[in-house]
PDB file of N, CA and C in Angstrom:
ATOM      1  N   MET A   1       1.256  -1.259   0.258  1.00  0.00           N
ATOM      2  CA  MET A   1      -0.250  -0.193   0.105  1.00  0.00           C
ATOM      3  C   MET A   1       0.511   1.867  -0.366  1.00  0.00           C
ATOM      4  N   SER A   2       0.282   2.107  -0.943  1.00  0.00           N
ATOM      5  CA  SER A   2       1.152   3.268  -1.040  1.00  0.00           C
ATOM      6  C   SER A   2       0.035   4.737  -0.219  1.00  0.00           C
ATOM      7  N   TYR A   3       1.889   5.224   0.647  1.00  0.00           N
ATOM      8  CA  TYR A   3       1.019   6.504   2.053  1.00  0.00           C
ATOM      9  C   TYR A   3       1.278   7.778   0.907  1.00  0.00           C
ATOM     10  N   GLN A   4       1.736   7.298   0.208  1.00  0.00           N
ATOM     11  CA  GLN A   4       2.439   8.673  -1.034  1.00  0.00           C
ATOM     12  C   GLN A   4       1.196  10.184  -1.470  1.00  0.00           C
ATOM     13  N   TYR A   5       0.904   9.287  -1.520  1.00  0.00           N
ATOM     14  CA  TYR A   5      -1.149  10.499  -1.538  1.00  0.00           C
ATOM     15  C   TYR A   5      -1.240  11.347  -0.175  1.00  0.00           C
ATOM     16  N   ILE A   6      -0.847  11.296   1.170  1.00  0.00           N
ATOM     17  CA  ILE A   6      -1.089  10.889   1.925  1.00  0.00           C
ATOM     18  C   ILE A   6      -0.864  12.845   2.449  1.00  0.00           C
ATOM     19  N   PRO A   7       0.485  13.056   2.173  1.00  0.00           N
ATOM     20  CA  PRO A   7       0.834  14.673   2.580  1.00  0.00           C
ATOM     21  C   PRO A   7       0.036  15.558   0.886  1.00  0.00           C
ATOM     22  N   VAL A   8      -1.039  14.945  -0.234  1.00  0.00           N
ATOM     23  CA  VAL A   8      -1.136  15.453  -0.572  1.00  0.00           C
ATOM     24  C   VAL A   8      -2.895  16.504  -0.379  1.00  0.00           C
ATOM     25  N   MET A   9      -3.594  14.837   0.030  1.00  0.00           N
ATOM     26  CA  MET A   9      -4.835  15.200   0.367  1.00  0.00           C
ATOM     27  C   MET A   9      -4.852  15.402   1.682  1.00  0.00           C
ATOM     28  N   LEU A  10      -3.704  15.966   2.161  1.00  0.00           N
ATOM     29  CA  LEU A  10      -3.672  16.619   3.952  1.00  0.00           C
ATOM     30  C   LEU A  10      -3.784  18.021   2.915  1.00  0.00           C
ATOM     31  N   GLY A  11      -2.712  18.543   2.083  1.00  0.00           N
ATOM     32  CA  GLY A  11      -2.076  19.585   1.574  1.00  0.00           C
ATOM     33  C   GLY A  11      -4.149  20.499   1.250  1.00  0.00           C
ATOM     34  N   GLY A  12      -4.422  19.711   0.247  1.00  0.00           N
ATOM     35  CA  GLY A  12      -5.618  19.715  -0.658  1.00  0.00           C
ATOM     36  C   GLY A  12      -6.916  20.688   0.839  1.00  0.00           C
ATOM     37  N   VAL A  13      -7.358  19.588   1.230  1.00  0.00           N
ATOM     38  CA  VAL A  13      -7.411  19.670   2.313  1.00  0.00           C
ATOM     39  C   VAL A  13      -7.966  20.549   3.580  1.00  0.00           C
ATOM     40  N   LEU A  14      -6.034  20.622   4.310  1.00  0.00           N
ATOM     41  CA  LEU A  14      -6.381  22.379   4.752  1.00  0.00           C
ATOM     42  C   LEU A  14      -6.389  23.402   3.961  1.00  0.00           C
ATOM     43  N   GLY A  15      -5.951  23.556   2.861  1.00  0.00           N
ATOM     44  CA  GLY A  15      -6.013  24.465   1.974  1.00  0.00           C
ATOM     45  C   GLY A  15      -7.552  24.865   2.029  1.00  0.00           C
ATOM     46  N   ILE A  16      -8.257  23.520   1.388  1.00  0.00           N
ATOM     47  CA  ILE A  16      -9.611  24.279   1.715  1.00  0.00           C
ATOM     48  C   ILE A  16     -10.656  25.208   2.919  1.00  0.00           C
ATOM     49  N   VAL A  17      -9.953  24.530   4.168  1.00  0.00           N
ATOM     50  CA  VAL A  17      -9.869  24.992   5.273  1.00  0.00           C
ATOM     51  C   VAL A  17      -9.746  25.552   5.032  1.00  0.00           C
ATOM     52  N   PHE A  18      -8.590  26.899   5.330  1.00  0.00           N
ATOM     53  CA  PHE A  18      -7.705  27.901   5.985  1.00  0.00           C
ATOM     54  C   PHE A  18      -9.021  29.340   4.375  1.00  0.00           C
ATOM     55  N   VAL A  19      -8.858  28.211   3.338  1.00  0.00           N
ATOM     56  CA  VAL A  19     -10.139  29.383   2.460  1.00  0.00           C
ATOM     57  C   VAL A  19     -11.720  29.523   2.979  1.00  0.00           C
ATOM     58  N   ILE A  20     -11.907  28.243   3.528  1.00  0.00           N
ATOM     59  CA  ILE A  20     -13.328  29.124   3.960  1.00  0.00           C
ATOM     60  C   ILE A  20     -12.865  29.717   5.682  1.00  0.00           C
ATOM     61  N   TYR A  21     -12.017  29.656   6.049  1.00  0.00           N
ATOM     62  CA  TYR A  21     -12.205  30.642   7.458  1.00  0.00           C
ATOM     63  C   TYR A  21     -12.413  31.522   6.336  1.00  0.00           C
ATOM     64  N   ARG A  22     -11.280  31.408   6.061  1.00  0.00           N
ATOM     65  CA  ARG A  22     -10.779  33.505   5.431  1.00  0.00           C
ATOM     66  C   ARG A  22     -11.609  33.491   4.972  1.00  0.00           C
ATOM     67  N   ALA A  23     -13.099  33.363   3.885  1.00  0.00           N
ATOM     68  CA  ALA A  23     -14.206  33.860   3.407  1.00  0.00           C
ATOM     69  C   ALA A  23     -14.922  34.228   4.698  1.00  0.00           C
ATOM     70  N   ILE A  24     -15.247  33.115   5.718  1.00  0.00           N
ATOM     71  CA  ILE A  24     -16.112  33.774   6.544  1.00  0.00           C
ATOM     72  C   ILE A  24     -16.025  34.905   7.534  1.00  0.00           C
ATOM     73  N   HIS A  25     -13.959  35.719   7.472  1.00  0.00           N
ATOM     74  CA  HIS A  25     -13.575  35.952   8.650  1.00  0.00           C
ATOM     75  C   HIS A  25     -13.632  36.719   7.871  1.00  0.00           C
ATOM     76  N   TYR A  26     -14.038  37.350   7.395  1.00  0.00           N
ATOM     77  CA  TYR A  26     -13.158  38.675   6.279  1.00  0.00           C
ATOM     78  C   TYR A  26     -13.038  40.078   6.763  1.00  0.00           C
ATOM     79  N   LYS A  27     -14.413  40.421   7.080  1.00  0.00           N
ATOM     80  CA  LYS A  27     -15.107  41.011   7.163  1.00  0.00           C
ATOM     81  C   LYS A  27     -14.832  41.281   8.586  1.00  0.00           C
ATOM     82  N   THR A  28     -14.310  40.870   9.630  1.00  0.00           N
ATOM     83  CA  THR A  28     -14.184  41.016  10.810  1.00  0.00           C
ATOM     84  C   THR A  28     -12.580  41.890  10.593  1.00  0.00           C
ATOM     85  N   VAL A  29     -11.867  40.354  10.130  1.00  0.00           N
ATOM     86  CA  VAL A  29     -10.627  40.832   9.998  1.00  0.00           C
ATOM     87  C   VAL A  29      -9.465  42.369   8.984  1.00  0.00           C
ATOM     88  N   PHE A  30     -10.864  42.965   8.128  1.00  0.00           N
ATOM     89  CA  PHE A  30     -10.271  44.264   7.038  1.00  0.00           C
ATOM     90  C   PHE A  30     -11.637  45.545   8.440  1.00  0.00           C
ATOM     91  N   ALA A  31     -12.132  44.729   9.438  1.00  0.00           N
ATOM     92  CA  ALA A  31     -12.533  46.122   9.875  1.00  0.00           C
ATOM     93  C   ALA A  31     -11.347  46.164  10.912  1.00  0.00           C
ATOM     94  N   ALA A  32     -10.413  45.892  11.343  1.00  0.00           N
ATOM     95  CA  ALA A  32      -9.375  46.181  12.286  1.00  0.00           C
ATOM     96  C   ALA A  32      -8.412  46.027  11.232  1.00  0.00           C
ATOM     97  N   GLU A  33      -7.667  46.022  10.791  1.00  0.00           N
ATOM     98  CA  GLU A  33      -7.572  46.643   9.591  1.00  0.00           C
ATOM     99  C   GLU A  33      -7.356  48.348   9.458  1.00  0.00           C
ATOM    100  N   GLU A  34      -8.521  48.773   8.902  1.00  0.00           N
ATOM    101  CA  GLU A  34      -9.112  49.243   9.008  1.00  0.00           C
ATOM    102  C   GLU A  34      -9.160  50.578   9.547  1.00  0.00           C
ATOM    103  N   ALA A  35      -9.935  50.371  10.746  1.00  0.00           N
ATOM    104  CA  ALA A  35      -9.560  50.821  11.934  1.00  0.00           C
ATOM    105  C   ALA A  35      -7.817  51.038  12.940  1.00  0.00           C
ATOM    106  N   GLU A  36      -7.421  50.469  12.150  1.00  0.00           N
ATOM    107  CA  GLU A  36      -5.728  50.817  12.511  1.00  0.00           C
ATOM    108  C   GLU A  36      -5.798  51.423  11.995  1.00  0.00           C
ATOM    109  N   TYR A  37      -5.855  51.978  10.065  1.00  0.00           N
ATOM    110  CA  TYR A  37      -5.012  53.312   9.654  1.00  0.00           C
ATOM    111  C   TYR A  37      -6.324  54.095   9.267  1.00  0.00           C
ATOM    112  N   LYS A  38      -7.214  53.981  10.190  1.00  0.00           N
ATOM    113  CA  LYS A  38      -8.275  54.694  10.065  1.00  0.00           C
ATOM    114  C   LYS A  38      -7.278  56.239  10.302  1.00  0.00           C
ATOM    115  N   VAL A  39      -7.913  57.542   9.832  1.00  0.00           N
ATOM    116  CA  VAL A  39      -7.482  58.973   9.987  1.00  0.00           C
ATOM    117  C   VAL A  39      -8.595  59.339  10.596  1.00  0.00           C
ATOM    118  N   ASP A  40      -8.300  59.933  11.456  1.00  0.00           N
ATOM    119  CA  ASP A  40      -8.971  60.599  12.181  1.00  0.00           C
ATOM    120  C   ASP A  40      -8.977  62.687  11.942  1.00  0.00           C
ATOM    121  N   PRO A  41     -10.520  62.690  11.621  1.00  0.00           N
ATOM    122  CA  PRO A  41     -10.975  63.270  10.988  1.00  0.00           C
ATOM    123  C   PRO A  41      -9.841  65.500  11.968  1.00  0.00           C
ATOM    124  N   ILE A  42     -10.409  65.076  12.601  1.00  0.00           N
ATOM    125  CA  ILE A  42     -10.148  65.949  13.905  1.00  0.00           C
ATOM    126  C   ILE A  42      -8.589  66.677  14.282  1.00  0.00           C
ATOM    127  N   ARG A  43      -8.201  65.970  14.091  1.00  0.00           N
ATOM    128  CA  ARG A  43      -6.791  65.795  14.344  1.00  0.00           C
ATOM    129  C   ARG A  43      -5.861  66.337  12.931  1.00  0.00           C
ATOM    130  N   GLU A  44      -6.905  65.996  12.352  1.00  0.00           N
ATOM    131  CA  GLU A  44      -6.560  66.124  10.483  1.00  0.00           C
ATOM    132  C   GLU A  44      -6.658  66.913  10.519  1.00  0.00           C
ATOM    133  N   GLU A  45      -7.699  67.773  10.867  1.00  0.00           N
ATOM    134  CA  GLU A  45      -8.284  69.560  11.078  1.00  0.00           C
ATOM    135  C   GLU A  45      -6.513  70.669  11.756  1.00  0.00           C
ATOM    136  N   ASP A  46      -6.587  70.036  13.185  1.00  0.00           N
ATOM    137  CA  ASP A  46      -5.397  70.801  14.144  1.00  0.00           C
ATOM    138  C   ASP A  46      -3.895  70.834  13.477  1.00  0.00           C
ATOM    139  N   SER A  47      -3.753  69.669  12.492  1.00  0.00           N
ATOM    140  CA  SER A  47      -2.647  69.194  12.179  1.00  0.00           C
ATOM    141  C   SER A  47      -1.415  70.822  10.765  1.00  0.00           C
ATOM    142  N   GLU A  48      -3.199  71.162  10.583  1.00  0.00           N
ATOM    143  CA  GLU A  48      -2.676  72.101   9.649  1.00  0.00           C
ATOM    144  C   GLU A  48      -3.120  74.059   9.184  1.00  0.00           C
ATOM    145  N   CYS A  49      -1.749  74.089   8.859  1.00  0.00           N
ATOM    146  CA  CYS A  49      -0.989  75.297   9.601  1.00  0.00           C
ATOM    147  C   CYS A  49      -1.889  75.868   9.055  1.00  0.00           C
TER     148      CYS A  49
END
């Protein structure tokens, strides 16, 4: 019996699971990234000369 296909099958299954996980959680990840790089309009007005 050959076990050469097991790593390929594991990689395929884990890849599919990872893609599904990212598709489900993309809104929370993007919201966190957007909040980190958001520009505060009040501070932007104060910095103008």
